[in-house]
């Protein structure tokens, strides 16, 4: 429910200030919305690229499945994740995670006691894990940006569809009332002048 407005000059000034404020904020919100939209496009493109690269890597590794199975016990300690490094990037006031790298446990091993294909299989598995973790971060970026876009759109709608029209209507009502008051005051002054002139 709209607030009850006072029909006076003070209220007129307040409503004009509100309108100026709304009209100043609206372009900034529109710019923010555009930034989110552009960034979402970039992130969604990166997600598709990452999904395709991961699918291709997994398809290429299909030939290595028997080897991976044979070396499973040997490989496990080497594909254990110690840390996933993520940086934070600011997009229109939102903190977005950026994938940096996956740090794996790196125990020592004997080159002579392991199969010649161990390092190749290990590197491919690690690459698949890196791509999977990068994809997770990209999906998190998409979620944060989509949420920011939605909230900004809601705020823009609030300004455009409710606050600005209400303020415009309040300004119109106050202006009409003040003009009527001024016209009535002029009428009263004329009547009073005539009565004075008539000697009453």
N, C-alpha and C. Protein backbone atom coordinates (compact mmCIF):
# COMPACT_ATOMS: atom_id res chain seq x y z
N UNK A 1 0.85 -1.19 0.00
CA UNK A 1 0.00 0.00 0.00
C UNK A 1 0.89 1.25 0.00
N UNK A 2 0.56 2.20 -0.87
CA UNK A 2 1.35 3.43 -0.98
C UNK A 2 1.18 4.27 0.29
N UNK A 3 2.28 4.95 0.65
CA UNK A 3 2.22 5.79 1.85
C UNK A 3 1.35 7.02 1.57
N UNK A 4 0.72 7.52 2.62
CA UNK A 4 -0.14 8.71 2.48
C UNK A 4 0.77 9.93 2.39
N UNK A 5 0.58 10.71 1.32
CA UNK A 5 1.45 11.87 1.12
C UNK A 5 0.79 13.15 1.64
N UNK A 6 1.63 14.03 2.15
CA UNK A 6 1.14 15.33 2.62
C UNK A 6 1.12 16.27 1.43
N UNK A 7 0.08 17.07 1.34
CA UNK A 7 -0.07 17.98 0.21
C UNK A 7 0.45 19.36 0.59
N UNK A 8 1.79 19.48 0.62
CA UNK A 8 2.40 20.78 0.94
C UNK A 8 3.75 20.91 0.21
N UNK A 9 4.36 22.09 0.35
CA UNK A 9 5.60 22.36 -0.38
C UNK A 9 6.77 21.50 0.11
N UNK A 10 6.79 21.20 1.40
CA UNK A 10 7.85 20.36 1.96
C UNK A 10 7.77 18.97 1.33
N UNK A 11 6.56 18.42 1.26
CA UNK A 11 6.35 17.11 0.65
C UNK A 11 6.71 17.14 -0.83
N UNK A 12 6.39 18.24 -1.50
CA UNK A 12 6.74 18.39 -2.91
C UNK A 12 8.25 18.31 -3.11
N UNK A 13 8.99 19.02 -2.25
CA UNK A 13 10.46 19.00 -2.33
C UNK A 13 11.00 17.58 -2.06
N UNK A 14 10.43 16.89 -1.06
CA UNK A 14 10.87 15.53 -0.74
C UNK A 14 10.63 14.58 -1.90
N UNK A 15 9.47 14.71 -2.52
CA UNK A 15 9.14 13.83 -3.66
C UNK A 15 10.06 14.11 -4.85
N UNK A 16 10.41 15.39 -5.06
CA UNK A 16 11.33 15.73 -6.15
C UNK A 16 12.72 15.14 -5.88
N UNK A 17 13.14 15.18 -4.62
CA UNK A 17 14.43 14.58 -4.25
C UNK A 17 14.42 13.07 -4.47
N UNK A 18 13.31 12.43 -4.08
CA UNK A 18 13.18 10.98 -4.29
C UNK A 18 13.26 10.65 -5.77
N UNK A 19 12.53 11.40 -6.59
CA UNK A 19 12.51 11.16 -8.03
C UNK A 19 13.91 11.31 -8.63
N UNK A 20 14.64 12.33 -8.20
CA UNK A 20 16.01 12.54 -8.68
C UNK A 20 16.90 11.37 -8.30
N UNK A 21 16.71 10.87 -7.08
CA UNK A 21 17.49 9.73 -6.59
C UNK A 21 17.19 8.48 -7.41
N UNK A 22 15.92 8.20 -7.64
CA UNK A 22 15.52 7.02 -8.42
C UNK A 22 16.10 7.09 -9.83
N UNK A 23 16.02 8.30 -10.42
CA UNK A 23 16.50 8.45 -11.80
C UNK A 23 18.03 8.39 -11.88
N UNK A 24 18.69 8.65 -10.75
CA UNK A 24 20.16 8.53 -10.73
C UNK A 24 20.57 7.06 -10.57
N UNK A 25 19.82 6.31 -9.75
CA UNK A 25 20.15 4.90 -9.50
C UNK A 25 19.83 3.99 -10.67
N UNK A 26 18.77 4.29 -11.39
CA UNK A 26 18.30 3.40 -12.44
C UNK A 26 19.35 3.11 -13.52
N UNK A 27 20.05 4.13 -14.07
CA UNK A 27 21.08 3.82 -15.07
C UNK A 27 22.22 2.95 -14.51
N UNK A 28 22.57 3.17 -13.24
CA UNK A 28 23.63 2.35 -12.62
C UNK A 28 23.19 0.90 -12.52
N UNK A 29 21.92 0.69 -12.15
CA UNK A 29 21.39 -0.67 -12.07
C UNK A 29 21.33 -1.33 -13.45
N UNK A 30 20.95 -0.55 -14.45
CA UNK A 30 20.90 -1.07 -15.83
C UNK A 30 22.30 -1.48 -16.30
N UNK A 31 23.30 -0.66 -15.96
CA UNK A 31 24.69 -0.97 -16.34
C UNK A 31 25.15 -2.25 -15.64
N UNK A 32 24.78 -2.38 -14.37
CA UNK A 32 25.14 -3.57 -13.59
C UNK A 32 24.51 -4.83 -14.20
N UNK A 33 23.25 -4.70 -14.58
CA UNK A 33 22.53 -5.82 -15.20
C UNK A 33 23.23 -6.25 -16.50
N UNK A 34 23.65 -5.26 -17.29
CA UNK A 34 24.35 -5.56 -18.54
C UNK A 34 25.68 -6.26 -18.29
N UNK A 35 26.40 -5.82 -17.25
CA UNK A 35 27.67 -6.47 -16.89
C UNK A 35 27.44 -7.94 -16.54
N UNK A 36 26.40 -8.20 -15.74
CA UNK A 36 26.08 -9.58 -15.35
C UNK A 36 25.74 -10.41 -16.59
N UNK A 37 24.97 -9.82 -17.49
CA UNK A 37 24.54 -10.53 -18.70
C UNK A 37 25.74 -10.88 -19.59
N UNK A 38 26.64 -9.90 -19.76
CA UNK A 38 27.84 -10.14 -20.59
C UNK A 38 28.72 -11.22 -19.95
N UNK A 39 28.94 -11.12 -18.64
CA UNK A 39 29.78 -12.08 -17.93
C UNK A 39 29.16 -13.47 -17.96
N UNK A 40 27.83 -13.54 -17.84
CA UNK A 40 27.13 -14.83 -17.92
C UNK A 40 27.37 -15.48 -19.28
N UNK A 41 27.35 -14.67 -20.34
CA UNK A 41 27.62 -15.20 -21.69
C UNK A 41 29.01 -15.81 -21.78
N UNK A 42 29.99 -15.11 -21.22
CA UNK A 42 31.38 -15.60 -21.23
C UNK A 42 31.50 -16.89 -20.43
N UNK A 43 30.91 -16.92 -19.24
CA UNK A 43 30.99 -18.09 -18.37
C UNK A 43 30.30 -19.29 -19.00
N UNK A 44 29.14 -19.08 -19.60
CA UNK A 44 28.41 -20.19 -20.24
C UNK A 44 29.19 -20.76 -21.42
N UNK A 45 29.88 -19.89 -22.13
CA UNK A 45 30.73 -20.34 -23.24
C UNK A 45 31.89 -21.20 -22.69
N UNK A 46 32.49 -20.72 -21.59
CA UNK A 46 33.58 -21.46 -20.94
C UNK A 46 33.10 -22.81 -20.40
N UNK A 47 31.88 -22.85 -19.89
CA UNK A 47 31.32 -24.11 -19.38
C UNK A 47 31.20 -25.13 -20.51
N UNK A 48 30.64 -24.70 -21.65
CA UNK A 48 30.51 -25.61 -22.79
C UNK A 48 31.88 -26.11 -23.26
N UNK A 49 32.83 -25.18 -23.31
CA UNK A 49 34.19 -25.52 -23.74
C UNK A 49 34.81 -26.55 -22.79
N UNK A 50 34.63 -26.32 -21.49
CA UNK A 50 35.19 -27.20 -20.47
C UNK A 50 34.52 -28.58 -20.49
N UNK A 51 33.20 -28.59 -20.67
CA UNK A 51 32.46 -29.86 -20.76
C UNK A 51 32.92 -30.68 -21.96
N UNK A 52 33.10 -30.00 -23.09
CA UNK A 52 33.56 -30.70 -24.30
C UNK A 52 34.97 -31.24 -24.13
N UNK A 53 35.85 -30.43 -23.54
CA UNK A 53 37.24 -30.86 -23.33
C UNK A 53 37.30 -32.05 -22.38
N UNK A 54 36.48 -32.01 -21.32
CA UNK A 54 36.46 -33.11 -20.35
C UNK A 54 35.91 -34.38 -21.00
N UNK A 55 34.84 -34.25 -21.79
CA UNK A 55 34.25 -35.40 -22.48
C UNK A 55 35.26 -36.01 -23.45
N UNK A 56 35.99 -35.16 -24.16
CA UNK A 56 37.00 -35.64 -25.11
C UNK A 56 38.13 -36.37 -24.38
N UNK A 57 38.57 -35.81 -23.27
CA UNK A 57 39.64 -36.42 -22.47
C UNK A 57 39.22 -37.79 -21.95
N UNK A 58 37.99 -37.87 -21.46
CA UNK A 58 37.48 -39.15 -20.95
C UNK A 58 37.35 -40.17 -22.09
N UNK A 59 36.89 -39.70 -23.26
CA UNK A 59 36.80 -40.60 -24.42
C UNK A 59 38.18 -41.11 -24.83
N UNK A 60 39.17 -40.22 -24.83
CA UNK A 60 40.54 -40.61 -25.19
C UNK A 60 41.11 -41.61 -24.18
N UNK A 61 40.70 -41.47 -22.93
CA UNK A 61 41.23 -42.34 -21.88
C UNK A 61 40.57 -43.71 -21.85
N UNK A 62 39.53 -43.91 -22.66
CA UNK A 62 38.83 -45.20 -22.69
C UNK A 62 39.81 -46.34 -22.99
N UNK A 63 40.81 -46.05 -23.83
CA UNK A 63 41.82 -47.06 -24.18
C UNK A 63 42.71 -47.42 -22.99
N UNK A 64 42.79 -46.49 -22.04
CA UNK A 64 43.68 -46.67 -20.89
C UNK A 64 43.00 -47.35 -19.69
N UNK A 65 41.71 -47.64 -19.81
CA UNK A 65 40.95 -48.19 -18.68
C UNK A 65 41.60 -49.44 -18.08
N UNK A 66 42.02 -50.42 -18.92
CA UNK A 66 42.66 -51.61 -18.32
C UNK A 66 43.92 -51.26 -17.52
N UNK A 67 44.71 -50.32 -18.05
CA UNK A 67 45.93 -49.89 -17.35
C UNK A 67 45.59 -49.20 -16.03
N UNK A 68 44.58 -48.35 -16.07
CA UNK A 68 44.17 -47.62 -14.87
C UNK A 68 43.72 -48.62 -13.80
N UNK A 69 42.96 -49.63 -14.24
CA UNK A 69 42.50 -50.65 -13.30
C UNK A 69 43.68 -51.40 -12.67
N UNK A 70 44.66 -51.74 -13.50
CA UNK A 70 45.84 -52.46 -13.00
C UNK A 70 46.65 -51.62 -12.02
N UNK A 71 46.71 -50.30 -12.26
CA UNK A 71 47.54 -49.42 -11.43
C UNK A 71 46.75 -48.68 -10.36
N UNK A 72 45.49 -49.04 -10.17
CA UNK A 72 44.61 -48.29 -9.26
C UNK A 72 45.22 -48.06 -7.88
N UNK A 73 45.73 -49.10 -7.28
CA UNK A 73 46.34 -48.98 -5.95
C UNK A 73 47.53 -48.04 -5.95
N UNK A 74 48.33 -48.11 -7.00
CA UNK A 74 49.51 -47.25 -7.13
C UNK A 74 49.12 -45.78 -7.37
N UNK A 75 48.07 -45.58 -8.15
CA UNK A 75 47.68 -44.22 -8.56
C UNK A 75 46.97 -43.43 -7.47
N UNK A 76 46.20 -44.13 -6.62
CA UNK A 76 45.36 -43.44 -5.63
C UNK A 76 46.06 -42.35 -4.84
N UNK A 77 47.23 -42.62 -4.25
CA UNK A 77 47.87 -41.55 -3.46
C UNK A 77 48.27 -40.33 -4.30
N UNK A 78 48.46 -40.52 -5.61
CA UNK A 78 48.92 -39.45 -6.50
C UNK A 78 47.79 -38.59 -7.04
N UNK A 79 46.57 -39.09 -6.96
CA UNK A 79 45.44 -38.28 -7.46
C UNK A 79 44.61 -37.71 -6.30
N UNK A 80 45.14 -37.87 -5.09
CA UNK A 80 44.48 -37.28 -3.92
C UNK A 80 44.71 -35.77 -3.95
N UNK A 81 43.61 -35.01 -3.82
CA UNK A 81 43.70 -33.54 -3.88
C UNK A 81 44.10 -32.99 -2.51
N UNK A 82 45.16 -32.20 -2.51
CA UNK A 82 45.58 -31.53 -1.28
C UNK A 82 44.85 -30.19 -1.14
N UNK A 83 44.71 -29.48 -2.28
CA UNK A 83 44.10 -28.14 -2.23
C UNK A 83 43.61 -27.74 -3.62
N UNK A 84 42.50 -27.01 -3.63
CA UNK A 84 42.02 -26.40 -4.88
C UNK A 84 42.17 -24.90 -4.68
N UNK A 85 43.04 -24.29 -5.48
CA UNK A 85 43.30 -22.85 -5.34
C UNK A 85 42.31 -22.05 -6.18
N UNK A 86 41.67 -21.12 -5.50
CA UNK A 86 40.66 -20.28 -6.14
C UNK A 86 40.93 -18.83 -5.75
N UNK A 87 40.84 -17.95 -6.73
CA UNK A 87 40.97 -16.50 -6.47
C UNK A 87 39.57 -15.90 -6.55
N UNK A 88 39.39 -14.70 -6.00
CA UNK A 88 38.11 -14.02 -6.09
C UNK A 88 38.23 -12.83 -7.04
N UNK A 89 37.25 -12.69 -7.89
CA UNK A 89 37.23 -11.63 -8.90
C UNK A 89 35.94 -10.83 -8.70
N UNK A 90 36.02 -9.50 -8.81
CA UNK A 90 34.86 -8.65 -8.59
C UNK A 90 34.18 -8.34 -9.92
N UNK A 91 32.90 -8.70 -10.02
CA UNK A 91 32.11 -8.36 -11.20
C UNK A 91 30.90 -7.56 -10.72
N UNK A 92 30.92 -6.27 -10.98
CA UNK A 92 29.82 -5.37 -10.61
C UNK A 92 29.40 -5.53 -9.15
N UNK A 93 30.39 -5.65 -8.27
CA UNK A 93 30.11 -5.74 -6.84
C UNK A 93 29.91 -7.15 -6.30
N UNK A 94 29.93 -8.14 -7.19
CA UNK A 94 29.80 -9.54 -6.74
C UNK A 94 31.17 -10.21 -6.75
N UNK A 95 31.44 -11.00 -5.72
CA UNK A 95 32.71 -11.75 -5.65
C UNK A 95 32.50 -13.08 -6.36
N UNK A 96 33.25 -13.27 -7.45
CA UNK A 96 33.14 -14.47 -8.28
C UNK A 96 34.41 -15.31 -8.10
N UNK A 97 34.25 -16.63 -7.84
CA UNK A 97 35.45 -17.46 -7.71
C UNK A 97 36.08 -17.73 -9.08
N UNK A 98 37.41 -17.70 -9.13
CA UNK A 98 38.15 -18.02 -10.36
C UNK A 98 39.08 -19.19 -10.07
N UNK A 99 38.99 -20.21 -10.89
CA UNK A 99 39.83 -21.39 -10.73
C UNK A 99 41.28 -21.02 -11.02
N UNK A 100 42.19 -21.44 -10.14
CA UNK A 100 43.61 -21.23 -10.39
C UNK A 100 44.31 -22.56 -10.66
N UNK A 101 44.24 -23.48 -9.67
CA UNK A 101 44.88 -24.78 -9.89
C UNK A 101 44.46 -25.80 -8.84
N UNK A 102 44.74 -27.06 -9.17
CA UNK A 102 44.54 -28.15 -8.22
C UNK A 102 45.92 -28.59 -7.77
N UNK A 103 46.12 -28.65 -6.45
CA UNK A 103 47.40 -29.12 -5.92
C UNK A 103 47.17 -30.55 -5.43
N UNK A 104 47.93 -31.48 -6.02
CA UNK A 104 47.80 -32.90 -5.67
C UNK A 104 48.85 -33.30 -4.65
N UNK A 105 48.52 -34.34 -3.90
CA UNK A 105 49.54 -34.96 -3.04
C UNK A 105 50.62 -35.48 -3.98
N UNK A 106 51.87 -35.42 -3.55
CA UNK A 106 52.95 -35.84 -4.44
C UNK A 106 53.96 -36.72 -3.71
N UNK A 107 53.53 -37.94 -3.36
CA UNK A 107 54.48 -38.82 -2.66
C UNK A 107 55.59 -39.26 -3.62
N UNK A 108 56.72 -39.65 -3.06
CA UNK A 108 57.81 -40.09 -3.92
C UNK A 108 57.56 -41.53 -4.38
N UNK A 109 58.13 -41.87 -5.51
CA UNK A 109 58.00 -43.24 -6.03
C UNK A 109 59.25 -43.59 -6.83
N UNK A 110 59.44 -44.88 -6.99
CA UNK A 110 60.62 -45.36 -7.72
C UNK A 110 60.29 -45.45 -9.20
N UNK A 111 61.11 -44.81 -10.00
CA UNK A 111 60.91 -44.85 -11.45
C UNK A 111 61.11 -46.27 -11.96
N UNK A 112 62.02 -47.01 -11.34
CA UNK A 112 62.34 -48.36 -11.80
C UNK A 112 61.29 -49.38 -11.37
N UNK A 113 60.59 -49.09 -10.27
CA UNK A 113 59.61 -50.05 -9.75
C UNK A 113 58.21 -49.83 -10.34
N UNK A 114 58.05 -48.78 -11.15
CA UNK A 114 56.73 -48.50 -11.74
C UNK A 114 56.78 -48.73 -13.24
N UNK A 115 55.60 -48.97 -13.79
CA UNK A 115 55.46 -49.21 -15.22
C UNK A 115 55.83 -47.94 -16.00
N UNK A 116 56.29 -48.10 -17.22
CA UNK A 116 56.67 -46.94 -18.04
C UNK A 116 55.46 -46.04 -18.34
N UNK A 117 54.27 -46.63 -18.34
CA UNK A 117 53.06 -45.86 -18.66
C UNK A 117 52.45 -45.16 -17.43
N UNK A 118 53.03 -45.39 -16.25
CA UNK A 118 52.50 -44.82 -15.00
C UNK A 118 52.35 -43.30 -15.09
N UNK A 119 53.40 -42.62 -15.51
CA UNK A 119 53.38 -41.14 -15.55
C UNK A 119 52.37 -40.61 -16.57
N UNK A 120 52.23 -41.32 -17.69
CA UNK A 120 51.28 -40.89 -18.73
C UNK A 120 49.85 -41.00 -18.18
N UNK A 121 49.55 -42.17 -17.59
CA UNK A 121 48.21 -42.40 -17.03
C UNK A 121 47.94 -41.40 -15.91
N UNK A 122 48.93 -41.20 -15.03
CA UNK A 122 48.79 -40.27 -13.91
C UNK A 122 48.49 -38.86 -14.41
N UNK A 123 49.22 -38.39 -15.41
CA UNK A 123 49.02 -37.03 -15.92
C UNK A 123 47.64 -36.88 -16.55
N UNK A 124 47.18 -37.91 -17.26
CA UNK A 124 45.84 -37.83 -17.87
C UNK A 124 44.75 -37.81 -16.80
N UNK A 125 44.92 -38.62 -15.76
CA UNK A 125 43.93 -38.62 -14.67
C UNK A 125 43.92 -37.27 -13.97
N UNK A 126 45.09 -36.74 -13.71
CA UNK A 126 45.17 -35.42 -13.06
C UNK A 126 44.54 -34.34 -13.92
N UNK A 127 44.77 -34.42 -15.22
CA UNK A 127 44.18 -33.44 -16.14
C UNK A 127 42.65 -33.53 -16.11
N UNK A 128 42.13 -34.74 -16.07
CA UNK A 128 40.67 -34.93 -16.00
C UNK A 128 40.13 -34.33 -14.69
N UNK A 129 40.86 -34.53 -13.60
CA UNK A 129 40.44 -33.99 -12.30
C UNK A 129 40.49 -32.45 -12.33
N UNK A 130 41.55 -31.90 -12.92
CA UNK A 130 41.67 -30.43 -13.05
C UNK A 130 40.47 -29.86 -13.81
N UNK A 131 40.16 -30.50 -14.92
CA UNK A 131 39.04 -30.02 -15.75
C UNK A 131 37.71 -30.13 -15.00
N UNK A 132 37.54 -31.23 -14.26
CA UNK A 132 36.32 -31.41 -13.48
C UNK A 132 36.18 -30.31 -12.42
N UNK A 133 37.28 -30.00 -11.72
CA UNK A 133 37.25 -28.96 -10.68
C UNK A 133 37.04 -27.58 -11.27
N UNK A 134 37.64 -27.33 -12.43
CA UNK A 134 37.45 -26.04 -13.11
C UNK A 134 35.99 -25.89 -13.52
N UNK A 135 35.40 -26.98 -14.00
CA UNK A 135 34.00 -26.96 -14.40
C UNK A 135 33.10 -26.66 -13.19
N UNK A 136 33.41 -27.24 -12.04
CA UNK A 136 32.63 -26.97 -10.82
C UNK A 136 32.66 -25.48 -10.48
N UNK A 137 33.86 -24.88 -10.58
CA UNK A 137 34.01 -23.44 -10.27
C UNK A 137 33.23 -22.60 -11.29
N UNK A 138 33.27 -22.99 -12.56
CA UNK A 138 32.53 -22.26 -13.59
C UNK A 138 31.03 -22.33 -13.34
N UNK A 139 30.55 -23.49 -12.91
CA UNK A 139 29.12 -23.64 -12.60
C UNK A 139 28.74 -22.79 -11.39
N UNK A 140 29.66 -22.65 -10.44
CA UNK A 140 29.43 -21.78 -9.28
C UNK A 140 29.39 -20.31 -9.73
N UNK A 141 30.29 -19.94 -10.65
CA UNK A 141 30.28 -18.58 -11.20
C UNK A 141 28.93 -18.30 -11.86
N UNK A 142 28.47 -19.25 -12.65
CA UNK A 142 27.19 -19.09 -13.36
C UNK A 142 26.06 -18.88 -12.35
N UNK A 143 26.04 -19.68 -11.27
CA UNK A 143 24.99 -19.57 -10.26
C UNK A 143 24.99 -18.18 -9.61
N UNK A 144 26.19 -17.70 -9.23
CA UNK A 144 26.32 -16.40 -8.55
C UNK A 144 25.89 -15.27 -9.49
N UNK A 145 26.35 -15.32 -10.74
CA UNK A 145 26.02 -14.28 -11.72
C UNK A 145 24.53 -14.28 -12.05
N UNK A 146 23.95 -15.46 -12.21
CA UNK A 146 22.52 -15.55 -12.53
C UNK A 146 21.69 -14.99 -11.37
N UNK A 147 22.13 -15.27 -10.15
CA UNK A 147 21.45 -14.75 -8.96
C UNK A 147 21.56 -13.22 -8.91
N UNK A 148 22.77 -12.70 -9.19
CA UNK A 148 22.98 -11.25 -9.22
C UNK A 148 22.14 -10.59 -10.30
N UNK A 149 22.06 -11.24 -11.46
CA UNK A 149 21.27 -10.72 -12.58
C UNK A 149 19.79 -10.67 -12.20
N UNK A 150 19.29 -11.75 -11.58
CA UNK A 150 17.88 -11.84 -11.17
C UNK A 150 17.53 -10.75 -10.16
N UNK A 151 18.40 -10.59 -9.14
CA UNK A 151 18.13 -9.59 -8.09
C UNK A 151 18.17 -8.17 -8.66
N UNK A 152 19.12 -7.90 -9.55
CA UNK A 152 19.23 -6.57 -10.16
C UNK A 152 18.02 -6.29 -11.04
N UNK A 153 17.57 -7.30 -11.79
CA UNK A 153 16.37 -7.14 -12.63
C UNK A 153 15.15 -6.83 -11.77
N UNK A 154 15.03 -7.52 -10.63
CA UNK A 154 13.91 -7.27 -9.72
C UNK A 154 13.95 -5.83 -9.20
N UNK A 155 15.15 -5.37 -8.86
CA UNK A 155 15.30 -4.00 -8.35
C UNK A 155 14.93 -2.98 -9.43
N UNK A 156 15.36 -3.24 -10.66
CA UNK A 156 15.03 -2.33 -11.78
C UNK A 156 13.51 -2.28 -11.96
N UNK A 157 12.88 -3.47 -11.92
CA UNK A 157 11.41 -3.52 -12.05
C UNK A 157 10.72 -2.75 -10.94
N UNK A 158 11.25 -2.86 -9.73
CA UNK A 158 10.69 -2.13 -8.59
C UNK A 158 10.73 -0.62 -8.87
N UNK A 159 11.88 -0.13 -9.34
CA UNK A 159 12.01 1.30 -9.65
C UNK A 159 11.08 1.71 -10.78
N UNK A 160 11.12 0.93 -11.89
CA UNK A 160 10.38 1.31 -13.09
C UNK A 160 8.87 1.15 -12.95
N UNK A 161 8.45 0.08 -12.26
CA UNK A 161 7.02 -0.22 -12.25
C UNK A 161 6.29 0.27 -11.01
N UNK A 162 7.05 0.55 -9.94
CA UNK A 162 6.35 0.99 -8.72
C UNK A 162 6.83 2.33 -8.19
N UNK A 163 8.10 2.40 -7.81
CA UNK A 163 8.59 3.60 -7.12
C UNK A 163 8.51 4.87 -7.97
N UNK A 164 9.00 4.82 -9.20
CA UNK A 164 8.98 6.02 -10.06
C UNK A 164 7.54 6.43 -10.40
N UNK A 165 6.66 5.48 -10.84
CA UNK A 165 5.27 5.90 -11.10
C UNK A 165 4.56 6.45 -9.85
N UNK A 166 4.78 5.85 -8.68
CA UNK A 166 4.17 6.36 -7.44
C UNK A 166 4.65 7.77 -7.15
N UNK A 167 5.95 7.98 -7.32
CA UNK A 167 6.53 9.30 -7.06
C UNK A 167 5.98 10.34 -8.05
N UNK A 168 5.89 9.94 -9.32
CA UNK A 168 5.36 10.83 -10.36
C UNK A 168 3.91 11.22 -10.03
N UNK A 169 3.12 10.25 -9.59
CA UNK A 169 1.71 10.49 -9.24
C UNK A 169 1.61 11.41 -8.02
N UNK A 170 2.49 11.18 -7.03
CA UNK A 170 2.50 12.03 -5.83
C UNK A 170 2.84 13.47 -6.20
N UNK A 171 3.83 13.64 -7.08
CA UNK A 171 4.21 14.99 -7.54
C UNK A 171 3.03 15.67 -8.24
N UNK A 172 2.34 14.91 -9.08
CA UNK A 172 1.19 15.47 -9.80
C UNK A 172 0.09 15.92 -8.81
N UNK A 173 -0.22 15.05 -7.83
CA UNK A 173 -1.28 15.36 -6.85
C UNK A 173 -0.93 16.60 -6.03
N UNK A 174 0.33 16.66 -5.58
CA UNK A 174 0.76 17.81 -4.76
C UNK A 174 0.71 19.09 -5.59
N UNK A 175 1.19 19.03 -6.84
CA UNK A 175 1.21 20.21 -7.71
C UNK A 175 -0.22 20.71 -7.97
N UNK A 176 -1.14 19.77 -8.25
CA UNK A 176 -2.55 20.16 -8.50
C UNK A 176 -3.14 20.79 -7.24
N UNK A 177 -2.89 20.18 -6.10
CA UNK A 177 -3.43 20.70 -4.83
C UNK A 177 -2.88 22.11 -4.55
N UNK A 178 -1.55 22.28 -4.73
CA UNK A 178 -0.95 23.59 -4.46
C UNK A 178 -1.46 24.66 -5.43
N UNK A 179 -1.68 24.28 -6.69
CA UNK A 179 -2.24 25.22 -7.67
C UNK A 179 -3.66 25.61 -7.29
N UNK A 180 -4.44 24.61 -6.86
CA UNK A 180 -5.82 24.90 -6.41
C UNK A 180 -5.81 25.83 -5.21
N UNK A 181 -4.90 25.58 -4.27
CA UNK A 181 -4.79 26.42 -3.07
C UNK A 181 -4.42 27.85 -3.46
N UNK A 182 -3.48 27.95 -4.42
CA UNK A 182 -3.03 29.28 -4.86
C UNK A 182 -4.18 30.02 -5.56
N UNK A 183 -4.93 29.28 -6.41
CA UNK A 183 -6.06 29.90 -7.11
C UNK A 183 -7.13 30.35 -6.11
N UNK A 184 -7.39 29.51 -5.10
CA UNK A 184 -8.37 29.85 -4.06
C UNK A 184 -7.91 31.08 -3.27
N UNK A 185 -6.62 31.15 -2.98
CA UNK A 185 -6.08 32.28 -2.23
C UNK A 185 -6.21 33.56 -3.04
N UNK A 186 -5.96 33.46 -4.35
CA UNK A 186 -6.11 34.64 -5.23
C UNK A 186 -7.58 35.08 -5.24
N UNK A 187 -8.50 34.10 -5.32
CA UNK A 187 -9.94 34.40 -5.31
C UNK A 187 -10.36 35.08 -4.02
N UNK A 188 -9.89 34.57 -2.90
CA UNK A 188 -10.21 35.14 -1.58
C UNK A 188 -9.65 36.56 -1.50
N UNK A 189 -8.43 36.76 -2.01
CA UNK A 189 -7.81 38.09 -1.97
C UNK A 189 -8.62 39.09 -2.80
N UNK A 190 -9.13 38.66 -3.96
CA UNK A 190 -9.93 39.55 -4.81
C UNK A 190 -11.24 39.94 -4.11
N UNK A 191 -11.87 38.93 -3.50
CA UNK A 191 -13.13 39.19 -2.78
C UNK A 191 -12.86 40.15 -1.62
N UNK A 192 -11.80 39.93 -0.88
CA UNK A 192 -11.45 40.80 0.26
C UNK A 192 -11.17 42.22 -0.24
N UNK A 193 -10.48 42.35 -1.37
CA UNK A 193 -10.17 43.67 -1.92
C UNK A 193 -11.45 44.41 -2.31
N UNK A 194 -12.36 43.64 -2.95
CA UNK A 194 -13.64 44.26 -3.36
C UNK A 194 -14.43 44.72 -2.14
N UNK A 195 -14.42 43.88 -1.11
CA UNK A 195 -15.16 44.25 0.12
C UNK A 195 -14.54 45.47 0.78
N UNK A 196 -13.23 45.55 0.77
CA UNK A 196 -12.54 46.73 1.34
C UNK A 196 -12.84 47.99 0.56
N UNK A 197 -12.82 47.80 -0.78
CA UNK A 197 -13.11 48.95 -1.63
C UNK A 197 -14.56 49.42 -1.48
N UNK A 198 -15.45 48.45 -1.24
CA UNK A 198 -16.87 48.79 -1.07
C UNK A 198 -17.12 49.38 0.33
N UNK A 199 -16.12 49.34 1.18
CA UNK A 199 -16.23 49.92 2.51
C UNK A 199 -16.91 49.02 3.52
N UNK A 200 -16.91 47.73 3.25
CA UNK A 200 -17.56 46.83 4.21
C UNK A 200 -16.60 46.27 5.21
